[in-house]
Amino acid sequence: MNPHVSATADVDDSATIGGGSRIWHLAQVRDAAVVGRDCVVGRGAYIGSGVVVGDNCKIQNYALVYEPARLGDGVFVGPAAVLTNDPYPRAVTPDGAPKTAGDWTAAGVTVADGASIGARAVCLPGVRIGRFAVVGAGAVVTKDVPDFALVIGNPARFHAWVGRAGVPLRRAGESRWECPRTGEVYRAAGDGVEPDES
């Protein structure tokens, strides 16, 4: 299926949009960006130069995904969330001249498969959001988020473990947790949890 691009969206000719994806009103997809199959890029969302978005992602209205971000498959970026890229932002150099592309090095946010970033959350440059992790609405992520972790607040701090369904897990014995929605069982693994495939 061909992608659908709204007549009011601004998609650069060098961008790649996967089949079945929908780019909505006033969204901007910059040069050399890649949006995978069956994605939704909402109204007014921004996908920066060279950003890579996996398959089956949802980037909600007015979300800002700055280069060189990398999003895995099945990632959700909530309304007005921001994935930043400049660890030391300035409009000018120390001598007062306007900064150019050569005056800084972008540090993109990496979002692993299945992770969700809540509305108005901010992810600082260079952080990694782990597989199926959840960043709560309005959180400010200043350091990496482990797989299956729910983080909330400013700065974002660990709150609970979550399953693939995004629901907080409940204890099911020593070093074991269960998803109340799916019944899937998780076990301790290093400093985190992972699905128990045994």
C-alpha atoms as a PDB file:
ATOM      1  CA  MET A   1       0.000   0.000   0.000  1.00  0.00           C
ATOM      2  CA  ASN A   2       1.329   3.444  -0.889  1.00  0.00           C
ATOM      3  CA  PRO A   3       1.892   5.991   1.878  1.00  0.00           C
ATOM      4  CA  HIS A   4      -0.598   8.821   2.351  1.00  0.00           C
ATOM      5  CA  VAL A   5       0.933  12.300   2.611  1.00  0.00           C
ATOM      6  CA  SER A   6      -1.364  15.219   3.380  1.00  0.00           C
ATOM      7  CA  ALA A   7      -1.263  18.019   0.839  1.00  0.00           C
ATOM      8  CA  THR A   8      -0.213  20.408   3.607  1.00  0.00           C
ATOM      9  CA  ALA A   9       2.639  18.224   4.903  1.00  0.00           C
ATOM     10  CA  ASP A  10       6.221  19.160   3.994  1.00  0.00           C
ATOM     11  CA  VAL A  11       8.105  15.987   3.039  1.00  0.00           C
ATOM     12  CA  ASP A  12      11.541  16.449   1.489  1.00  0.00           C
ATOM     13  CA  ASP A  13      12.094  14.713  -1.841  1.00  0.00           C
ATOM     14  CA  SER A  14      15.037  12.787  -0.361  1.00  0.00           C
ATOM     15  CA  ALA A  15      12.986  11.386   2.542  1.00  0.00           C
ATOM     16  CA  THR A  16      11.775   7.774   2.394  1.00  0.00           C
ATOM     17  CA  ILE A  17       8.230   7.002   3.548  1.00  0.00           C
ATOM     18  CA  GLY A  18       7.250   3.331   3.918  1.00  0.00           C
ATOM     19  CA  GLY A  19       4.132   1.755   2.513  1.00  0.00           C
ATOM     20  CA  GLY A  20       0.947   2.274   4.491  1.00  0.00           C
ATOM     21  CA  SER A  21       2.358   5.202   6.477  1.00  0.00           C
ATOM     22  CA  ARG A  22       0.326   8.376   6.948  1.00  0.00           C
ATOM     23  CA  ILE A  23       1.861  11.833   7.210  1.00  0.00           C
ATOM     24  CA  TRP A  24      -0.766  14.300   8.392  1.00  0.00           C
ATOM     25  CA  HIS A  25      -1.525  18.015   8.146  1.00  0.00           C
ATOM     26  CA  LEU A  26       1.426  20.414   8.646  1.00  0.00           C
ATOM     27  CA  ALA A  27       3.892  17.634   9.542  1.00  0.00           C
ATOM     28  CA  GLN A  28       7.469  18.116   8.340  1.00  0.00           C
ATOM     29  CA  VAL A  29       9.796  15.276   7.343  1.00  0.00           C
ATOM     30  CA  ARG A  30      13.281  16.599   6.540  1.00  0.00           C
ATOM     31  CA  ASP A  31      15.954  15.544   4.090  1.00  0.00           C
ATOM     32  CA  ALA A  32      17.211  11.944   4.149  1.00  0.00           C
ATOM     33  CA  ALA A  33      14.787  10.975   6.935  1.00  0.00           C
ATOM     34  CA  VAL A  34      13.415   7.436   6.820  1.00  0.00           C
ATOM     35  CA  VAL A  35       9.918   6.619   8.082  1.00  0.00           C
ATOM     36  CA  GLY A  36       9.118   2.896   8.079  1.00  0.00           C
ATOM     37  CA  ARG A  37       5.986   1.021   7.057  1.00  0.00           C
ATOM     38  CA  ASP A  38       2.551   1.609   8.611  1.00  0.00           C
ATOM     39  CA  CYS A  39       3.587   4.627  10.679  1.00  0.00           C
ATOM     40  CA  VAL A  40       1.515   7.645  11.684  1.00  0.00           C
ATOM     41  CA  VAL A  41       3.140  11.086  11.806  1.00  0.00           C
ATOM     42  CA  GLY A  42       0.589  13.438  13.355  1.00  0.00           C
ATOM     43  CA  ARG A  43      -0.369  17.025  12.700  1.00  0.00           C
ATOM     44  CA  GLY A  44       2.512  19.457  13.085  1.00  0.00           C
ATOM     45  CA  ALA A  45       5.039  16.755  14.011  1.00  0.00           C
ATOM     46  CA  TYR A  46       8.679  17.261  13.010  1.00  0.00           C
ATOM     47  CA  ILE A  47      11.079  14.540  11.851  1.00  0.00           C
ATOM     48  CA  GLY A  48      14.619  15.928  11.518  1.00  0.00           C
ATOM     49  CA  SER A  49      17.246  15.422   8.826  1.00  0.00           C
ATOM     50  CA  GLY A  50      18.403  11.815   8.612  1.00  0.00           C
ATOM     51  CA  VAL A  51      16.193  10.604  11.466  1.00  0.00           C
ATOM     52  CA  VAL A  52      15.321   6.905  11.182  1.00  0.00           C
ATOM     53  CA  VAL A  53      11.869   5.741  12.301  1.00  0.00           C
ATOM     54  CA  GLY A  54      11.087   2.008  12.341  1.00  0.00           C
ATOM     55  CA  ASP A  55       7.893   0.261  11.263  1.00  0.00           C
ATOM     56  CA  ASN A  56       4.519   0.630  13.030  1.00  0.00           C
ATOM     57  CA  CYS A  57       5.464   3.788  14.933  1.00  0.00           C
ATOM     58  CA  LYS A  58       3.127   6.570  16.051  1.00  0.00           C
ATOM     59  CA  ILE A  59       4.531  10.084  16.334  1.00  0.00           C
ATOM     60  CA  GLN A  60       1.691  12.153  17.697  1.00  0.00           C
ATOM     61  CA  ASN A  61       0.692  15.763  17.029  1.00  0.00           C
ATOM     62  CA  TYR A  62       3.427  18.375  17.477  1.00  0.00           C
ATOM     63  CA  ALA A  63       6.063  15.890  18.610  1.00  0.00           C
ATOM     64  CA  LEU A  64       9.594  17.017  17.713  1.00  0.00           C
ATOM     65  CA  VAL A  65      12.126  14.332  16.783  1.00  0.00           C
ATOM     66  CA  TYR A  66      15.468  16.022  16.127  1.00  0.00           C
ATOM     67  CA  GLU A  67      18.349  14.465  14.242  1.00  0.00           C
ATOM     68  CA  PRO A  68      20.115  12.105  14.580  1.00  0.00           C
ATOM     69  CA  ALA A  69      17.417  10.246  16.548  1.00  0.00           C
ATOM     70  CA  ARG A  70      16.843   6.543  15.897  1.00  0.00           C
ATOM     71  CA  LEU A  71      13.477   4.947  16.676  1.00  0.00           C
ATOM     72  CA  GLY A  72      12.946   1.188  16.600  1.00  0.00           C
ATOM     73  CA  ASP A  73       9.790  -0.632  15.544  1.00  0.00           C
ATOM     74  CA  GLY A  74       6.510  -0.035  17.352  1.00  0.00           C
ATOM     75  CA  VAL A  75       7.634   3.167  19.098  1.00  0.00           C
ATOM     76  CA  PHE A  76       5.068   5.678  20.410  1.00  0.00           C
ATOM     77  CA  VAL A  77       6.010   9.354  20.773  1.00  0.00           C
ATOM     78  CA  GLY A  78       3.233  11.281  22.509  1.00  0.00           C
ATOM     79  CA  PRO A  79       1.816  14.701  21.682  1.00  0.00           C
ATOM     80  CA  ALA A  80       4.327  17.563  21.999  1.00  0.00           C
ATOM     81  CA  ALA A  81       7.104  15.266  23.236  1.00  0.00           C
ATOM     82  CA  VAL A  82      10.617  16.428  22.333  1.00  0.00           C
ATOM     83  CA  LEU A  83      13.664  14.317  21.486  1.00  0.00           C
ATOM     84  CA  THR A  84      16.462  16.892  21.743  1.00  0.00           C
ATOM     85  CA  ASN A  85      19.935  16.835  20.196  1.00  0.00           C
ATOM     86  CA  ASP A  86      22.167  19.642  21.499  1.00  0.00           C
ATOM     87  CA  PRO A  87      23.847  19.071  24.891  1.00  0.00           C
ATOM     88  CA  TYR A  88      25.107  22.669  25.060  1.00  0.00           C
ATOM     89  CA  PRO A  89      22.571  24.785  23.168  1.00  0.00           C
ATOM     90  CA  ARG A  90      23.536  28.298  22.136  1.00  0.00           C
ATOM     91  CA  ALA A  91      22.377  30.520  19.302  1.00  0.00           C
ATOM     92  CA  VAL A  92      25.831  32.080  18.982  1.00  0.00           C
ATOM     93  CA  THR A  93      29.485  31.115  19.361  1.00  0.00           C
ATOM     94  CA  PRO A  94      31.554  32.516  22.267  1.00  0.00           C
ATOM     95  CA  ASP A  95      32.590  35.448  20.051  1.00  0.00           C
ATOM     96  CA  GLY A  96      28.943  36.301  19.321  1.00  0.00           C
ATOM     97  CA  ALA A  97      28.726  34.986  15.744  1.00  0.00           C
ATOM     98  CA  PRO A  98      25.650  32.968  14.785  1.00  0.00           C
ATOM     99  CA  LYS A  99      26.292  29.247  15.237  1.00  0.00           C
ATOM    100  CA  THR A 100      26.439  27.139  12.081  1.00  0.00           C
ATOM    101  CA  ALA A 101      26.156  23.385  11.557  1.00  0.00           C
ATOM    102  CA  GLY A 102      29.920  23.106  11.994  1.00  0.00           C
ATOM    103  CA  ASP A 103      29.848  24.703  15.459  1.00  0.00           C
ATOM    104  CA  TRP A 104      28.236  21.774  17.270  1.00  0.00           C
ATOM    105  CA  THR A 105      27.857  18.016  17.255  1.00  0.00           C
ATOM    106  CA  ALA A 106      24.349  16.605  17.415  1.00  0.00           C
ATOM    107  CA  ALA A 107      23.696  13.813  19.948  1.00  0.00           C
ATOM    108  CA  GLY A 108      20.504  11.953  19.058  1.00  0.00           C
ATOM    109  CA  VAL A 109      18.078  10.060  21.257  1.00  0.00           C
ATOM    110  CA  THR A 110      17.757   6.310  20.647  1.00  0.00           C
ATOM    111  CA  VAL A 111      14.382   4.696  21.319  1.00  0.00           C
ATOM    112  CA  ALA A 112      14.324   0.880  21.261  1.00  0.00           C
ATOM    113  CA  ASP A 113      11.528  -1.334  19.938  1.00  0.00           C
ATOM    114  CA  GLY A 114       8.136  -1.011  21.586  1.00  0.00           C
ATOM    115  CA  ALA A 115       9.008   1.916  23.874  1.00  0.00           C
ATOM    116  CA  SER A 116       6.563   4.755  24.600  1.00  0.00           C
ATOM    117  CA  ILE A 117       7.269   8.398  25.382  1.00  0.00           C
ATOM    118  CA  GLY A 118       4.410  10.249  27.048  1.00  0.00           C
ATOM    119  CA  ALA A 119       2.898  13.596  26.115  1.00  0.00           C
ATOM    120  CA  ARG A 120       5.173  16.626  26.620  1.00  0.00           C
ATOM    121  CA  ALA A 121       8.063  14.486  27.842  1.00  0.00           C
ATOM    122  CA  VAL A 122      11.565  15.738  27.025  1.00  0.00           C
ATOM    123  CA  CYS A 123      14.460  13.386  26.286  1.00  0.00           C
ATOM    124  CA  LEU A 124      17.876  15.013  26.574  1.00  0.00           C
ATOM    125  CA  PRO A 125      20.594  14.474  23.948  1.00  0.00           C
ATOM    126  CA  GLY A 126      22.194  11.054  23.720  1.00  0.00           C
ATOM    127  CA  VAL A 127      19.898   9.113  26.053  1.00  0.00           C
ATOM    128  CA  ARG A 128      18.648   5.626  25.214  1.00  0.00           C
ATOM    129  CA  ILE A 129      15.093   4.556  25.982  1.00  0.00           C
ATOM    130  CA  GLY A 130      15.063   0.769  26.386  1.00  0.00           C
ATOM    131  CA  ARG A 131      12.805  -1.860  24.825  1.00  0.00           C
ATOM    132  CA  PHE A 132       9.164  -1.525  25.858  1.00  0.00           C
ATOM    133  CA  ALA A 133      10.080   1.149  28.417  1.00  0.00           C
ATOM    134  CA  VAL A 134       7.565   3.888  29.232  1.00  0.00           C
ATOM    135  CA  VAL A 135       8.446   7.536  29.813  1.00  0.00           C
ATOM    136  CA  GLY A 136       5.615   9.185  31.739  1.00  0.00           C
ATOM    137  CA  ALA A 137       3.874  12.313  30.512  1.00  0.00           C
ATOM    138  CA  GLY A 138       5.880  15.464  31.241  1.00  0.00           C
ATOM    139  CA  ALA A 139       8.983  13.564  32.362  1.00  0.00           C
ATOM    140  CA  VAL A 140      12.462  14.945  31.674  1.00  0.00           C
ATOM    141  CA  VAL A 141      14.789  12.079  30.779  1.00  0.00           C
ATOM    142  CA  THR A 142      18.398  12.897  31.703  1.00  0.00           C
ATOM    143  CA  LYS A 143      19.892   9.378  31.628  1.00  0.00           C
ATOM    144  CA  ASP A 144      19.311   6.032  29.928  1.00  0.00           C
ATOM    145  CA  VAL A 145      16.074   4.178  30.697  1.00  0.00           C
ATOM    146  CA  PRO A 146      16.324   0.369  31.104  1.00  0.00           C
ATOM    147  CA  ASP A 147      14.238  -2.084  29.099  1.00  0.00           C
ATOM    148  CA  PHE A 148      10.707  -2.512  30.543  1.00  0.00           C
ATOM    149  CA  ALA A 149      11.118   0.397  33.000  1.00  0.00           C
ATOM    150  CA  LEU A 150       8.513   3.076  33.724  1.00  0.00           C
ATOM    151  CA  VAL A 151      10.108   6.421  34.589  1.00  0.00           C
ATOM    152  CA  ILE A 152       8.301   9.565  35.730  1.00  0.00           C
ATOM    153  CA  GLY A 153       9.099  13.064  36.975  1.00  0.00           C
ATOM    154  CA  ASN A 154      11.748  15.737  36.541  1.00  0.00           C
ATOM    155  CA  PRO A 155      14.352  14.398  36.409  1.00  0.00           C
ATOM    156  CA  ALA A 156      12.798  11.089  35.359  1.00  0.00           C
ATOM    157  CA  ARG A 157      13.222   8.358  37.953  1.00  0.00           C
ATOM    158  CA  PHE A 158      12.354   4.666  38.025  1.00  0.00           C
ATOM    159  CA  HIS A 159       8.802   4.039  39.203  1.00  0.00           C
ATOM    160  CA  ALA A 160       7.916   0.443  38.215  1.00  0.00           C
ATOM    161  CA  TRP A 161       8.554  -2.363  35.770  1.00  0.00           C
ATOM    162  CA  VAL A 162       6.122  -2.649  32.862  1.00  0.00           C
ATOM    163  CA  GLY A 163       5.318  -5.423  30.413  1.00  0.00           C
ATOM    164  CA  ARG A 164       4.885  -5.368  26.657  1.00  0.00           C
ATOM    165  CA  ALA A 165       1.329  -4.105  27.194  1.00  0.00           C
ATOM    166  CA  GLY A 166       2.669  -1.009  28.991  1.00  0.00           C
ATOM    167  CA  VAL A 167       0.903  -1.867  32.245  1.00  0.00           C
ATOM    168  CA  PRO A 168       2.892  -1.921  35.522  1.00  0.00           C
ATOM    169  CA  LEU A 169       3.814  -5.463  36.524  1.00  0.00           C
ATOM    170  CA  ARG A 170       2.775  -6.972  39.836  1.00  0.00           C
ATOM    171  CA  ARG A 171       4.941  -9.194  42.018  1.00  0.00           C
ATOM    172  CA  ALA A 172       4.481 -12.919  41.438  1.00  0.00           C
ATOM    173  CA  GLY A 173       7.073 -14.297  43.840  1.00  0.00           C
ATOM    174  CA  GLU A 174      10.753 -13.765  44.413  1.00  0.00           C
ATOM    175  CA  SER A 175      12.418 -12.220  41.351  1.00  0.00           C
ATOM    176  CA  ARG A 176       9.244 -12.684  39.290  1.00  0.00           C
ATOM    177  CA  TRP A 177       6.538 -10.337  38.047  1.00  0.00           C
ATOM    178  CA  GLU A 178       3.318 -10.802  36.096  1.00  0.00           C
ATOM    179  CA  CYS A 179       1.453  -8.543  33.676  1.00  0.00           C
ATOM    180  CA  PRO A 180      -2.102  -8.077  34.984  1.00  0.00           C
ATOM    181  CA  ARG A 181      -3.379  -7.537  31.443  1.00  0.00           C
ATOM    182  CA  THR A 182      -1.742 -10.385  29.504  1.00  0.00           C
ATOM    183  CA  GLY A 183      -0.623 -12.832  32.214  1.00  0.00           C
ATOM    184  CA  GLU A 184       2.888 -12.765  30.747  1.00  0.00           C
ATOM    185  CA  VAL A 185       5.545 -13.575  33.356  1.00  0.00           C
ATOM    186  CA  TYR A 186       8.807 -11.627  33.752  1.00  0.00           C
ATOM    187  CA  ARG A 187      11.915 -12.508  35.742  1.00  0.00           C
ATOM    188  CA  ALA A 188      14.832 -10.563  37.135  1.00  0.00           C
ATOM    189  CA  ALA A 189      17.718 -10.175  34.707  1.00  0.00           C
ATOM    190  CA  GLY A 190      20.766  -8.196  35.833  1.00  0.00           C
ATOM    191  CA  ASP A 191      19.486  -4.815  37.014  1.00  0.00           C
ATOM    192  CA  GLY A 192      16.187  -5.205  35.145  1.00  0.00           C
ATOM    193  CA  VAL A 193      13.543  -7.679  34.040  1.00  0.00           C
ATOM    194  CA  GLU A 194      12.870  -9.679  30.908  1.00  0.00           C
ATOM    195  CA  PRO A 195      10.080 -11.980  29.729  1.00  0.00           C
ATOM    196  CA  ASP A 196      10.405 -15.458  31.200  1.00  0.00           C
ATOM    197  CA  GLU A 197      10.466 -17.687  28.136  1.00  0.00           C
ATOM    198  CA  SER A 198      10.982 -20.912  30.146  1.00  0.00           C
END
